[in-house]
PDB file of all heavy atoms in Angstrom:
ATOM      1  N   SER A   1    -180.244-128.068 146.339  1.00  0.00           N
ATOM      2  CA  SER A   1    -181.568-127.428 146.439  1.00  0.00           C
ATOM      3  C   SER A   1    -182.671-128.198 145.735  1.00  0.00           C
ATOM      4  O   SER A   1    -183.853-127.978 145.991  1.00  0.00           O
ATOM      5  CB  SER A   1    -181.501-126.018 145.850  1.00  0.00           C
ATOM      6  OG  SER A   1    -181.274-126.074 144.439  1.00  0.00           O
ATOM      7  N   LEU A   2    -182.303-129.112 144.800  1.00  0.00           N
ATOM      8  CA  LEU A   2    -183.283-129.842 143.976  1.00  0.00           C
ATOM      9  C   LEU A   2    -184.163-128.867 143.186  1.00  0.00           C
ATOM     10  O   LEU A   2    -185.366-129.070 143.034  1.00  0.00           O
ATOM     11  CB  LEU A   2    -184.153-130.766 144.839  1.00  0.00           C
ATOM     12  CG  LEU A   2    -183.400-131.787 145.692  1.00  0.00           C
ATOM     13  CD1 LEU A   2    -184.374-132.674 146.470  1.00  0.00           C
ATOM     14  CD2 LEU A   2    -182.468-132.647 144.842  1.00  0.00           C
ATOM     15  N   LEU A   3    -183.532-127.843 142.661  1.00  0.00           N
ATOM     16  CA  LEU A   3    -184.249-126.795 141.931  1.00  0.00           C
ATOM     17  C   LEU A   3    -185.073-127.356 140.779  1.00  0.00           C
ATOM     18  O   LEU A   3    -186.223-126.960 140.573  1.00  0.00           O
ATOM     19  CB  LEU A   3    -183.249-125.772 141.394  1.00  0.00           C
ATOM     20  CG  LEU A   3    -183.799-124.747 140.388  1.00  0.00           C
ATOM     21  CD1 LEU A   3    -184.820-123.837 141.055  1.00  0.00           C
ATOM     22  CD2 LEU A   3    -182.669-123.942 139.762  1.00  0.00           C
ATOM     23  N   PHE A   4    -184.511-128.285 140.023  1.00  0.00           N
ATOM     24  CA  PHE A   4    -185.179-128.754 138.811  1.00  0.00           C
ATOM     25  C   PHE A   4    -186.458-129.522 139.154  1.00  0.00           C
ATOM     26  O   PHE A   4    -187.504-129.324 138.529  1.00  0.00           O
ATOM     27  CB  PHE A   4    -184.218-129.601 137.979  1.00  0.00           C
ATOM     28  CG  PHE A   4    -183.039-128.830 137.459  1.00  0.00           C
ATOM     29  CD1 PHE A   4    -181.874-128.721 138.211  1.00  0.00           C
ATOM     30  CD2 PHE A   4    -183.092-128.200 136.227  1.00  0.00           C
ATOM     31  CE1 PHE A   4    -180.792-127.998 137.743  1.00  0.00           C
ATOM     32  CE2 PHE A   4    -182.012-127.479 135.749  1.00  0.00           C
ATOM     33  CZ  PHE A   4    -180.866-127.366 136.512  1.00  0.00           C
ATOM     34  N   GLY A   5    -186.378-130.395 140.127  1.00  0.00           N
ATOM     35  CA  GLY A   5    -187.573-131.116 140.535  1.00  0.00           C
ATOM     36  C   GLY A   5    -188.626-130.194 141.115  1.00  0.00           C
ATOM     37  O   GLY A   5    -189.831-130.356 140.861  1.00  0.00           O
ATOM     38  N   LYS A   6    -188.194-129.222 141.890  1.00  0.00           N
ATOM     39  CA  LYS A   6    -189.138-128.260 142.467  1.00  0.00           C
ATOM     40  C   LYS A   6    -189.818-127.442 141.371  1.00  0.00           C
ATOM     41  O   LYS A   6    -191.006-127.140 141.463  1.00  0.00           O
ATOM     42  CB  LYS A   6    -188.410-127.343 143.450  1.00  0.00           C
ATOM     43  CG  LYS A   6    -187.976-128.038 144.729  1.00  0.00           C
ATOM     44  CD  LYS A   6    -187.182-127.105 145.638  1.00  0.00           C
ATOM     45  CE  LYS A   6    -186.763-127.800 146.925  1.00  0.00           C
ATOM     46  NZ  LYS A   6    -185.949-126.928 147.801  1.00  0.00           N
ATOM     47  N   MET A   7    -189.070-127.083 140.330  1.00  0.00           N
ATOM     48  CA  MET A   7    -189.658-126.347 139.220  1.00  0.00           C
ATOM     49  C   MET A   7    -190.695-127.199 138.483  1.00  0.00           C
ATOM     50  O   MET A   7    -191.728-126.691 138.032  1.00  0.00           O
ATOM     51  CB  MET A   7    -188.574-125.887 138.247  1.00  0.00           C
ATOM     52  CG  MET A   7    -187.831-124.643 138.683  1.00  0.00           C
ATOM     53  SD  MET A   7    -188.891-123.167 138.599  1.00  0.00           S
ATOM     54  CE  MET A   7    -187.656-121.867 138.807  1.00  0.00           C
ATOM     55  N   THR A   8    -190.433-128.494 138.371  1.00  0.00           N
ATOM     56  CA  THR A   8    -191.395-129.385 137.726  1.00  0.00           C
ATOM     57  C   THR A   8    -192.710-129.403 138.500  1.00  0.00           C
ATOM     58  O   THR A   8    -193.797-129.249 137.928  1.00  0.00           O
ATOM     59  CB  THR A   8    -190.821-130.809 137.633  1.00  0.00           C
ATOM     60  OG1 THR A   8    -189.603-130.777 136.884  1.00  0.00           O
ATOM     61  CG2 THR A   8    -191.804-131.746 136.937  1.00  0.00           C
ATOM     62  N   VAL A   9    -192.614-129.576 139.812  1.00  0.00           N
ATOM     63  CA  VAL A   9    -193.821-129.609 140.642  1.00  0.00           C
ATOM     64  C   VAL A   9    -194.520-128.251 140.630  1.00  0.00           C
ATOM     65  O   VAL A   9    -195.759-128.181 140.504  1.00  0.00           O
ATOM     66  CB  VAL A   9    -193.470-130.011 142.085  1.00  0.00           C
ATOM     67  CG1 VAL A   9    -194.711-129.927 142.992  1.00  0.00           C
ATOM     68  CG2 VAL A   9    -192.894-131.423 142.122  1.00  0.00           C
ATOM     69  N   LEU A  10    -193.758-127.174 140.740  1.00  0.00           N
ATOM     70  CA  LEU A  10    -194.355-125.841 140.760  1.00  0.00           C
ATOM     71  C   LEU A  10    -195.153-125.584 139.490  1.00  0.00           C
ATOM     72  O   LEU A  10    -196.294-125.097 139.542  1.00  0.00           O
ATOM     73  CB  LEU A  10    -193.270-124.780 140.928  1.00  0.00           C
ATOM     74  CG  LEU A  10    -193.736-123.323 140.828  1.00  0.00           C
ATOM     75  CD1 LEU A  10    -194.758-123.000 141.912  1.00  0.00           C
ATOM     76  CD2 LEU A  10    -192.550-122.360 140.911  1.00  0.00           C
ATOM     77  N   HIS A  11    -194.598-125.903 138.333  1.00  0.00           N
ATOM     78  CA  HIS A  11    -195.309-125.644 137.084  1.00  0.00           C
ATOM     79  C   HIS A  11    -196.547-126.539 136.948  1.00  0.00           C
ATOM     80  O   HIS A  11    -197.575-126.098 136.423  1.00  0.00           O
ATOM     81  CB  HIS A  11    -194.374-125.820 135.882  1.00  0.00           C
ATOM     82  CG  HIS A  11    -193.474-124.643 135.670  1.00  0.00           C
ATOM     83  ND1 HIS A  11    -192.369-124.400 136.456  1.00  0.00           N
ATOM     84  CD2 HIS A  11    -193.547-123.603 134.793  1.00  0.00           C
ATOM     85  CE1 HIS A  11    -191.791-123.273 136.058  1.00  0.00           C
ATOM     86  NE2 HIS A  11    -192.487-122.787 135.049  1.00  0.00           N
ATOM     87  N   TYR A  12    -196.454-127.746 137.423  1.00  0.00           N
ATOM     88  CA  TYR A  12    -197.620-128.627 137.391  1.00  0.00           C
ATOM     89  C   TYR A  12    -198.743-128.043 138.247  1.00  0.00           C
ATOM     90  O   TYR A  12    -199.897-127.963 137.804  1.00  0.00           O
ATOM     91  CB  TYR A  12    -197.223-130.007 137.899  1.00  0.00           C
ATOM     92  CG  TYR A  12    -198.334-131.028 137.854  1.00  0.00           C
ATOM     93  CD1 TYR A  12    -198.754-131.587 136.653  1.00  0.00           C
ATOM     94  CD2 TYR A  12    -198.965-131.448 139.032  1.00  0.00           C
ATOM     95  CE1 TYR A  12    -199.765-132.530 136.616  1.00  0.00           C
ATOM     96  CE2 TYR A  12    -199.974-132.389 139.004  1.00  0.00           C
ATOM     97  CZ  TYR A  12    -200.375-132.932 137.801  1.00  0.00           C
ATOM     98  OH  TYR A  12    -201.392-133.856 137.765  1.00  0.00           O
ATOM     99  N   ARG A  13    -198.433-127.633 139.463  1.00  0.00           N
ATOM    100  CA  ARG A  13    -199.448-127.052 140.349  1.00  0.00           C
ATOM    101  C   ARG A  13    -199.939-125.704 139.827  1.00  0.00           C
ATOM    102  O   ARG A  13    -201.127-125.379 139.918  1.00  0.00           O
ATOM    103  CB  ARG A  13    -198.874-126.877 141.757  1.00  0.00           C
ATOM    104  CG  ARG A  13    -198.430-128.167 142.430  1.00  0.00           C
ATOM    105  CD  ARG A  13    -199.582-129.105 142.667  1.00  0.00           C
ATOM    106  NE  ARG A  13    -199.178-130.276 143.456  1.00  0.00           N
ATOM    107  CZ  ARG A  13    -199.734-131.459 143.364  1.00  0.00           C
ATOM    108  NH1 ARG A  13    -200.711-131.670 142.495  1.00  0.00           N
ATOM    109  NH2 ARG A  13    -199.326-132.465 144.111  1.00  0.00           N
ATOM    110  N   MET A  14    -199.039-124.937 139.273  1.00  0.00           N
ATOM    111  CA  MET A  14    -199.360-123.596 138.777  1.00  0.00           C
ATOM    112  C   MET A  14    -200.404-123.643 137.675  1.00  0.00           C
ATOM    113  O   MET A  14    -201.243-122.752 137.549  1.00  0.00           O
ATOM    114  CB  MET A  14    -198.068-122.950 138.262  1.00  0.00           C
ATOM    115  CG  MET A  14    -198.092-121.453 138.063  1.00  0.00           C
ATOM    116  SD  MET A  14    -196.396-120.850 137.862  1.00  0.00           S
ATOM    117  CE  MET A  14    -196.010-121.438 136.212  1.00  0.00           C
ATOM    118  N   PHE A  15    -200.370-124.720 136.886  1.00  0.00           N
ATOM    119  CA  PHE A  15    -201.334-124.881 135.799  1.00  0.00           C
ATOM    120  C   PHE A  15    -202.424-125.895 136.159  1.00  0.00           C
ATOM    121  O   PHE A  15    -202.955-126.600 135.308  1.00  0.00           O
ATOM    122  CB  PHE A  15    -200.617-125.258 134.511  1.00  0.00           C
ATOM    123  CG  PHE A  15    -199.741-124.155 133.978  1.00  0.00           C
ATOM    124  CD1 PHE A  15    -198.359-124.283 133.969  1.00  0.00           C
ATOM    125  CD2 PHE A  15    -200.293-122.962 133.527  1.00  0.00           C
ATOM    126  CE1 PHE A  15    -197.548-123.253 133.497  1.00  0.00           C
ATOM    127  CE2 PHE A  15    -199.489-121.930 133.050  1.00  0.00           C
ATOM    128  CZ  PHE A  15    -198.118-122.072 133.042  1.00  0.00           C
ATOM    129  N   ALA A  16    -202.727-125.953 137.462  1.00  0.00           N
ATOM    130  CA  ALA A  16    -203.903-126.663 137.999  1.00  0.00           C
ATOM    131  C   ALA A  16    -203.772-128.178 137.991  1.00  0.00           C
ATOM    132  O   ALA A  16    -204.778-128.884 138.067  1.00  0.00           O
ATOM    133  CB  ALA A  16    -205.177-126.247 137.256  1.00  0.00           C
ATOM    134  N   GLY A  17    -202.556-128.701 137.907  1.00  0.00           N
ATOM    135  CA  GLY A  17    -202.377-130.143 138.041  1.00  0.00           C
ATOM    136  C   GLY A  17    -202.556-130.575 139.489  1.00  0.00           C
ATOM    137  O   GLY A  17    -202.084-129.900 140.407  1.00  0.00           O
ATOM    138  N   GLU A  18    -203.230-131.709 139.694  1.00  0.00           N
ATOM    139  CA  GLU A  18    -203.560-132.142 141.053  1.00  0.00           C
ATOM    140  C   GLU A  18    -203.060-133.542 141.398  1.00  0.00           C
ATOM    141  O   GLU A  18    -203.115-133.950 142.559  1.00  0.00           O
ATOM    142  CB  GLU A  18    -205.085-132.101 141.250  1.00  0.00           C
ATOM    143  CG  GLU A  18    -205.674-130.699 141.119  1.00  0.00           C
ATOM    144  CD  GLU A  18    -207.177-130.685 141.308  1.00  0.00           C
ATOM    145  OE1 GLU A  18    -207.782-131.781 141.365  1.00  0.00           O
ATOM    146  OE2 GLU A  18    -207.745-129.581 141.412  1.00  0.00           O
ATOM    147  N   ASP A  19    -202.568-134.293 140.449  1.00  0.00           N
ATOM    148  CA  ASP A  19    -202.188-135.683 140.676  1.00  0.00           C
ATOM    149  C   ASP A  19    -200.916-135.750 141.541  1.00  0.00           C
ATOM    150  O   ASP A  19    -199.921-135.086 141.255  1.00  0.00           O
ATOM    151  CB  ASP A  19    -201.935-136.373 139.335  1.00  0.00           C
ATOM    152  CG  ASP A  19    -201.942-137.882 139.441  1.00  0.00           C
ATOM    153  OD1 ASP A  19    -201.352-138.403 140.409  1.00  0.00           O
ATOM    154  OD2 ASP A  19    -202.536-138.546 138.566  1.00  0.00           O
ATOM    155  N   GLU A  20    -200.961-136.580 142.599  1.00  0.00           N
ATOM    156  CA  GLU A  20    -199.806-136.716 143.486  1.00  0.00           C
ATOM    157  C   GLU A  20    -198.623-137.398 142.802  1.00  0.00           C
ATOM    158  O   GLU A  20    -197.491-137.316 143.292  1.00  0.00           O
ATOM    159  CB  GLU A  20    -200.211-137.526 144.728  1.00  0.00           C
ATOM    160  CG  GLU A  20    -201.117-136.773 145.679  1.00  0.00           C
ATOM    161  CD  GLU A  20    -200.421-135.572 146.309  1.00  0.00           C
ATOM    162  OE1 GLU A  20    -199.444-135.766 147.047  1.00  0.00           O
ATOM    163  OE2 GLU A  20    -200.855-134.438 146.031  1.00  0.00           O
ATOM    164  N   ARG A  21    -198.880-138.045 141.657  1.00  0.00           N
ATOM    165  CA  ARG A  21    -197.787-138.727 140.969  1.00  0.00           C
ATOM    166  C   ARG A  21    -196.817-137.766 140.298  1.00  0.00           C
ATOM    167  O   ARG A  21    -195.802-138.192 139.735  1.00  0.00           O
ATOM    168  CB  ARG A  21    -198.368-139.719 139.963  1.00  0.00           C
ATOM    169  CG  ARG A  21    -198.978-140.950 140.634  1.00  0.00           C
ATOM    170  CD  ARG A  21    -199.732-141.844 139.687  1.00  0.00           C
ATOM    171  NE  ARG A  21    -200.975-141.227 139.229  1.00  0.00           N
ATOM    172  CZ  ARG A  21    -201.956-141.895 138.626  1.00  0.00           C
ATOM    173  NH1 ARG A  21    -201.826-143.189 138.405  1.00  0.00           N
ATOM    174  NH2 ARG A  21    -203.057-141.274 138.238  1.00  0.00           N
ATOM    175  N   ILE A  22    -197.083-136.472 140.399  1.00  0.00           N
ATOM    176  CA  ILE A  22    -196.146-135.489 139.865  1.00  0.00           C
ATOM    177  C   ILE A  22    -194.796-135.591 140.559  1.00  0.00           C
ATOM    178  O   ILE A  22    -193.749-135.285 139.980  1.00  0.00           O
ATOM    179  CB  ILE A  22    -196.712-134.049 139.989  1.00  0.00           C
ATOM    180  CG1 ILE A  22    -195.798-133.055 139.272  1.00  0.00           C
ATOM    181  CG2 ILE A  22    -196.905-133.654 141.453  1.00  0.00           C
ATOM    182  CD1 ILE A  22    -195.585-133.331 137.801  1.00  0.00           C
ATOM    183  N   TYR A  23    -194.789-136.058 141.807  1.00  0.00           N
ATOM    184  CA  TYR A  23    -193.513-136.178 142.515  1.00  0.00           C
ATOM    185  C   TYR A  23    -192.611-137.218 141.860  1.00  0.00           C
ATOM    186  O   TYR A  23    -191.388-137.090 141.876  1.00  0.00           O
ATOM    187  CB  TYR A  23    -193.761-136.531 143.988  1.00  0.00           C
ATOM    188  CG  TYR A  23    -194.550-135.469 144.716  1.00  0.00           C
ATOM    189  CD1 TYR A  23    -195.877-135.685 145.080  1.00  0.00           C
ATOM    190  CD2 TYR A  23    -193.975-134.235 145.009  1.00  0.00           C
ATOM    191  CE1 TYR A  23    -196.614-134.704 145.728  1.00  0.00           C
ATOM    192  CE2 TYR A  23    -194.701-133.243 145.657  1.00  0.00           C
ATOM    193  CZ  TYR A  23    -196.023-133.487 146.013  1.00  0.00           C
ATOM    194  OH  TYR A  23    -196.734-132.506 146.644  1.00  0.00           O
ATOM    195  N   ARG A  24    -193.229-138.240 141.278  1.00  0.00           N
ATOM    196  CA  ARG A  24    -192.431-139.232 140.560  1.00  0.00           C
ATOM    197  C   ARG A  24    -191.833-138.630 139.287  1.00  0.00           C
ATOM    198  O   ARG A  24    -190.677-138.888 138.944  1.00  0.00           O
ATOM    199  CB  ARG A  24    -193.292-140.439 140.212  1.00  0.00           C
ATOM    200  CG  ARG A  24    -192.525-141.587 139.578  1.00  0.00           C
ATOM    201  CD  ARG A  24    -193.362-142.841 139.521  1.00  0.00           C
ATOM    202  NE  ARG A  24    -193.722-143.277 140.877  1.00  0.00           N
ATOM    203  CZ  ARG A  24    -194.556-144.274 141.130  1.00  0.00           C
ATOM    204  NH1 ARG A  24    -195.131-144.931 140.140  1.00  0.00           N
ATOM    205  NH2 ARG A  24    -194.809-144.615 142.373  1.00  0.00           N
ATOM    206  N   ALA A  25    -192.604-137.807 138.592  1.00  0.00           N
ATOM    207  CA  ALA A  25    -192.081-137.136 137.398  1.00  0.00           C
ATOM    208  C   ALA A  25    -190.959-136.174 137.773  1.00  0.00           C
ATOM    209  O   ALA A  25    -189.951-136.061 137.061  1.00  0.00           O
ATOM    210  CB  ALA A  25    -193.211-136.392 136.687  1.00  0.00           C
ATOM    211  N   ALA A  26    -191.138-135.462 138.884  1.00  0.00           N
ATOM    212  CA  ALA A  26    -190.096-134.540 139.333  1.00  0.00           C
ATOM    213  C   ALA A  26    -188.839-135.304 139.745  1.00  0.00           C
ATOM    214  O   ALA A  26    -187.707-134.838 139.513  1.00  0.00           O
ATOM    215  CB  ALA A  26    -190.621-133.706 140.501  1.00  0.00           C
ATOM    216  N   ALA A  27    -189.017-136.487 140.336  1.00  0.00           N
ATOM    217  CA  ALA A  27    -187.865-137.329 140.667  1.00  0.00           C
ATOM    218  C   ALA A  27    -187.135-137.743 139.397  1.00  0.00           C
ATOM    219  O   ALA A  27    -185.894-137.806 139.364  1.00  0.00           O
ATOM    220  CB  ALA A  27    -188.323-138.557 141.448  1.00  0.00           C
ATOM    221  N   ALA A  28    -187.890-138.022 138.326  1.00  0.00           N
ATOM    222  CA  ALA A  28    -187.268-138.360 137.042  1.00  0.00           C
ATOM    223  C   ALA A  28    -186.393-137.219 136.549  1.00  0.00           C
ATOM    224  O   ALA A  28    -185.273-137.424 136.072  1.00  0.00           O
ATOM    225  CB  ALA A  28    -188.349-138.687 136.014  1.00  0.00           C
ATOM    226  N   VAL A  29    -186.897-136.008 136.666  1.00  0.00           N
ATOM    227  CA  VAL A  29    -186.130-134.837 136.230  1.00  0.00           C
ATOM    228  C   VAL A  29    -184.842-134.713 137.044  1.00  0.00           C
ATOM    229  O   VAL A  29    -183.756-134.466 136.494  1.00  0.00           O
ATOM    230  CB  VAL A  29    -186.983-133.565 136.352  1.00  0.00           C
ATOM    231  CG1 VAL A  29    -186.128-132.313 136.154  1.00  0.00           C
ATOM    232  CG2 VAL A  29    -188.122-133.598 135.331  1.00  0.00           C
ATOM    233  N   GLU A  30    -184.921-134.882 138.352  1.00  0.00           N
ATOM    234  CA  GLU A  30    -183.726-134.761 139.185  1.00  0.00           C
ATOM    235  C   GLU A  30    -182.728-135.879 138.910  1.00  0.00           C
ATOM    236  O   GLU A  30    -181.515-135.659 138.958  1.00  0.00           O
ATOM    237  CB  GLU A  30    -184.102-134.738 140.663  1.00  0.00           C
ATOM    238  CG  GLU A  30    -184.621-133.387 141.152  1.00  0.00           C
ATOM    239  CD  GLU A  30    -183.560-132.294 141.137  1.00  0.00           C
ATOM    240  OE1 GLU A  30    -182.361-132.608 140.969  1.00  0.00           O
ATOM    241  OE2 GLU A  30    -183.936-131.112 141.296  1.00  0.00           O
ATOM    242  N   LEU A  31    -183.214-137.085 138.614  1.00  0.00           N
ATOM    243  CA  LEU A  31    -182.290-138.158 138.258  1.00  0.00           C
ATOM    244  C   LEU A  31    -181.596-137.863 136.933  1.00  0.00           C
ATOM    245  O   LEU A  31    -180.409-138.180 136.759  1.00  0.00           O
ATOM    246  CB  LEU A  31    -183.034-139.496 138.175  1.00  0.00           C
ATOM    247  CG  LEU A  31    -183.423-140.127 139.511  1.00  0.00           C
ATOM    248  CD1 LEU A  31    -184.240-141.392 139.284  1.00  0.00           C
ATOM    249  CD2 LEU A  31    -182.191-140.434 140.362  1.00  0.00           C
ATOM    250  N   MET A  32    -182.317-137.266 135.996  1.00  0.00           N
ATOM    251  CA  MET A  32    -181.693-136.848 134.744  1.00  0.00           C
ATOM    252  C   MET A  32    -180.567-135.861 135.023  1.00  0.00           C
ATOM    253  O   MET A  32    -179.447-135.981 134.495  1.00  0.00           O
ATOM    254  CB  MET A  32    -182.727-136.195 133.827  1.00  0.00           C
ATOM    255  CG  MET A  32    -182.126-135.521 132.594  1.00  0.00           C
ATOM    256  SD  MET A  32    -183.224-134.295 131.826  1.00  0.00           S
ATOM    257  CE  MET A  32    -183.209-132.976 133.049  1.00  0.00           C
ATOM    258  N   VAL A  33    -180.848-134.854 135.857  1.00  0.00           N
ATOM    259  CA  VAL A  33    -179.847-133.829 136.163  1.00  0.00           C
ATOM    260  C   VAL A  33    -178.651-134.446 136.874  1.00  0.00           C
ATOM    261  O   VAL A  33    -177.493-134.143 136.561  1.00  0.00           O
ATOM    262  CB  VAL A  33    -180.473-132.707 137.008  1.00  0.00           C
ATOM    263  CG1 VAL A  33    -179.398-131.719 137.467  1.00  0.00           C
ATOM    264  CG2 VAL A  33    -181.548-131.973 136.204  1.00  0.00           C
ATOM    265  N   LEU A  34    -178.908-135.337 137.832  1.00  0.00           N
ATOM    266  CA  LEU A  34    -177.813-136.003 138.546  1.00  0.00           C
ATOM    267  C   LEU A  34    -176.949-136.794 137.576  1.00  0.00           C
ATOM    268  O   LEU A  34    -175.718-136.740 137.635  1.00  0.00           O
ATOM    269  CB  LEU A  34    -178.377-136.914 139.632  1.00  0.00           C
ATOM    270  CG  LEU A  34    -177.362-137.807 140.369  1.00  0.00           C
ATOM    271  CD1 LEU A  34    -176.244-136.979 140.992  1.00  0.00           C
ATOM    272  CD2 LEU A  34    -178.071-138.663 141.416  1.00  0.00           C
ATOM    273  N   SER A  35    -177.572-137.522 136.673  1.00  0.00           N
ATOM    274  CA  SER A  35    -176.792-138.334 135.729  1.00  0.00           C
ATOM    275  C   SER A  35    -175.890-137.455 134.866  1.00  0.00           C
ATOM    276  O   SER A  35    -174.716-137.789 134.640  1.00  0.00           O
ATOM    277  CB  SER A  35    -177.723-139.170 134.855  1.00  0.00           C
ATOM    278  OG  SER A  35    -178.447-138.358 133.938  1.00  0.00           O
ATOM    279  N   LEU A  36    -176.413-136.331 134.407  1.00  0.00           N
ATOM    280  CA  LEU A  36    -175.603-135.443 133.561  1.00  0.00           C
ATOM    281  C   LEU A  36    -174.511-134.752 134.371  1.00  0.00           C
ATOM    282  O   LEU A  36    -173.407-134.514 133.855  1.00  0.00           O
ATOM    283  CB  LEU A  36    -176.505-134.415 132.877  1.00  0.00           C
ATOM    284  CG  LEU A  36    -177.496-135.002 131.863  1.00  0.00           C
ATOM    285  CD1 LEU A  36    -178.352-133.903 131.244  1.00  0.00           C
ATOM    286  CD2 LEU A  36    -176.784-135.790 130.772  1.00  0.00           C
ATOM    287  N   ASP A  37    -174.800-134.422 135.629  1.00  0.00           N
ATOM    288  CA  ASP A  37    -173.754-133.864 136.493  1.00  0.00           C
ATOM    289  C   ASP A  37    -172.601-134.857 136.653  1.00  0.00           C
ATOM    290  O   ASP A  37    -171.420-134.477 136.610  1.00  0.00           O
ATOM    291  CB  ASP A  37    -174.319-133.533 137.873  1.00  0.00           C
ATOM    292  CG  ASP A  37    -175.140-132.259 137.897  1.00  0.00           C
ATOM    293  OD1 ASP A  37    -175.067-131.480 136.917  1.00  0.00           O
ATOM    294  OD2 ASP A  37    -175.857-132.031 138.893  1.00  0.00           O
ATOM    295  N   MET A  38    -172.941-136.120 136.844  1.00  0.00           N
ATOM    296  CA  MET A  38    -171.910-137.145 137.013  1.00  0.00           C
ATOM    297  C   MET A  38    -171.070-137.291 135.750  1.00  0.00           C
ATOM    298  O   MET A  38    -169.838-137.378 135.805  1.00  0.00           O
ATOM    299  CB  MET A  38    -172.572-138.472 137.391  1.00  0.00           C
ATOM    300  CG  MET A  38    -173.208-138.454 138.783  1.00  0.00           C
ATOM    301  SD  MET A  38    -174.358-139.834 139.078  1.00  0.00           S
ATOM    302  CE  MET A  38    -173.226-141.234 139.043  1.00  0.00           C
ATOM    303  N   ILE A  39    -171.741-137.305 134.598  1.00  0.00           N
ATOM    304  CA  ILE A  39    -171.013-137.418 133.330  1.00  0.00           C
ATOM    305  C   ILE A  39    -170.135-136.189 133.110  1.00  0.00           C
ATOM    306  O   ILE A  39    -168.968-136.306 132.702  1.00  0.00           O
ATOM    307  CB  ILE A  39    -171.998-137.609 132.168  1.00  0.00           C
ATOM    308  CG1 ILE A  39    -172.694-138.969 132.283  1.00  0.00           C
ATOM    309  CG2 ILE A  39    -171.285-137.497 130.819  1.00  0.00           C
ATOM    310  CD1 ILE A  39    -173.856-139.160 131.337  1.00  0.00           C
ATOM    311  N   ASP A  40    -170.676-135.009 133.401  1.00  0.00           N
ATOM    312  CA  ASP A  40    -169.890-133.775 133.256  1.00  0.00           C
ATOM    313  C   ASP A  40    -168.629-133.830 134.105  1.00  0.00           C
ATOM    314  O   ASP A  40    -167.537-133.431 133.671  1.00  0.00           O
ATOM    315  CB  ASP A  40    -170.721-132.556 133.659  1.00  0.00           C
ATOM    316  CG  ASP A  40    -171.732-132.166 132.601  1.00  0.00           C
ATOM    317  OD1 ASP A  40    -171.771-132.820 131.539  1.00  0.00           O
ATOM    318  OD2 ASP A  40    -172.494-131.214 132.829  1.00  0.00           O
TER     319      ASP A  40
END
């Protein structure tokens, strides 16, 4: 579902963030989650 990345974007937009580069930050969050899933 990519819940974590979607939550990052949602909170950014919810608090009036407008920069399209938020998708890169959300990708960072999902890569973090993927890495920890793999280690787990």
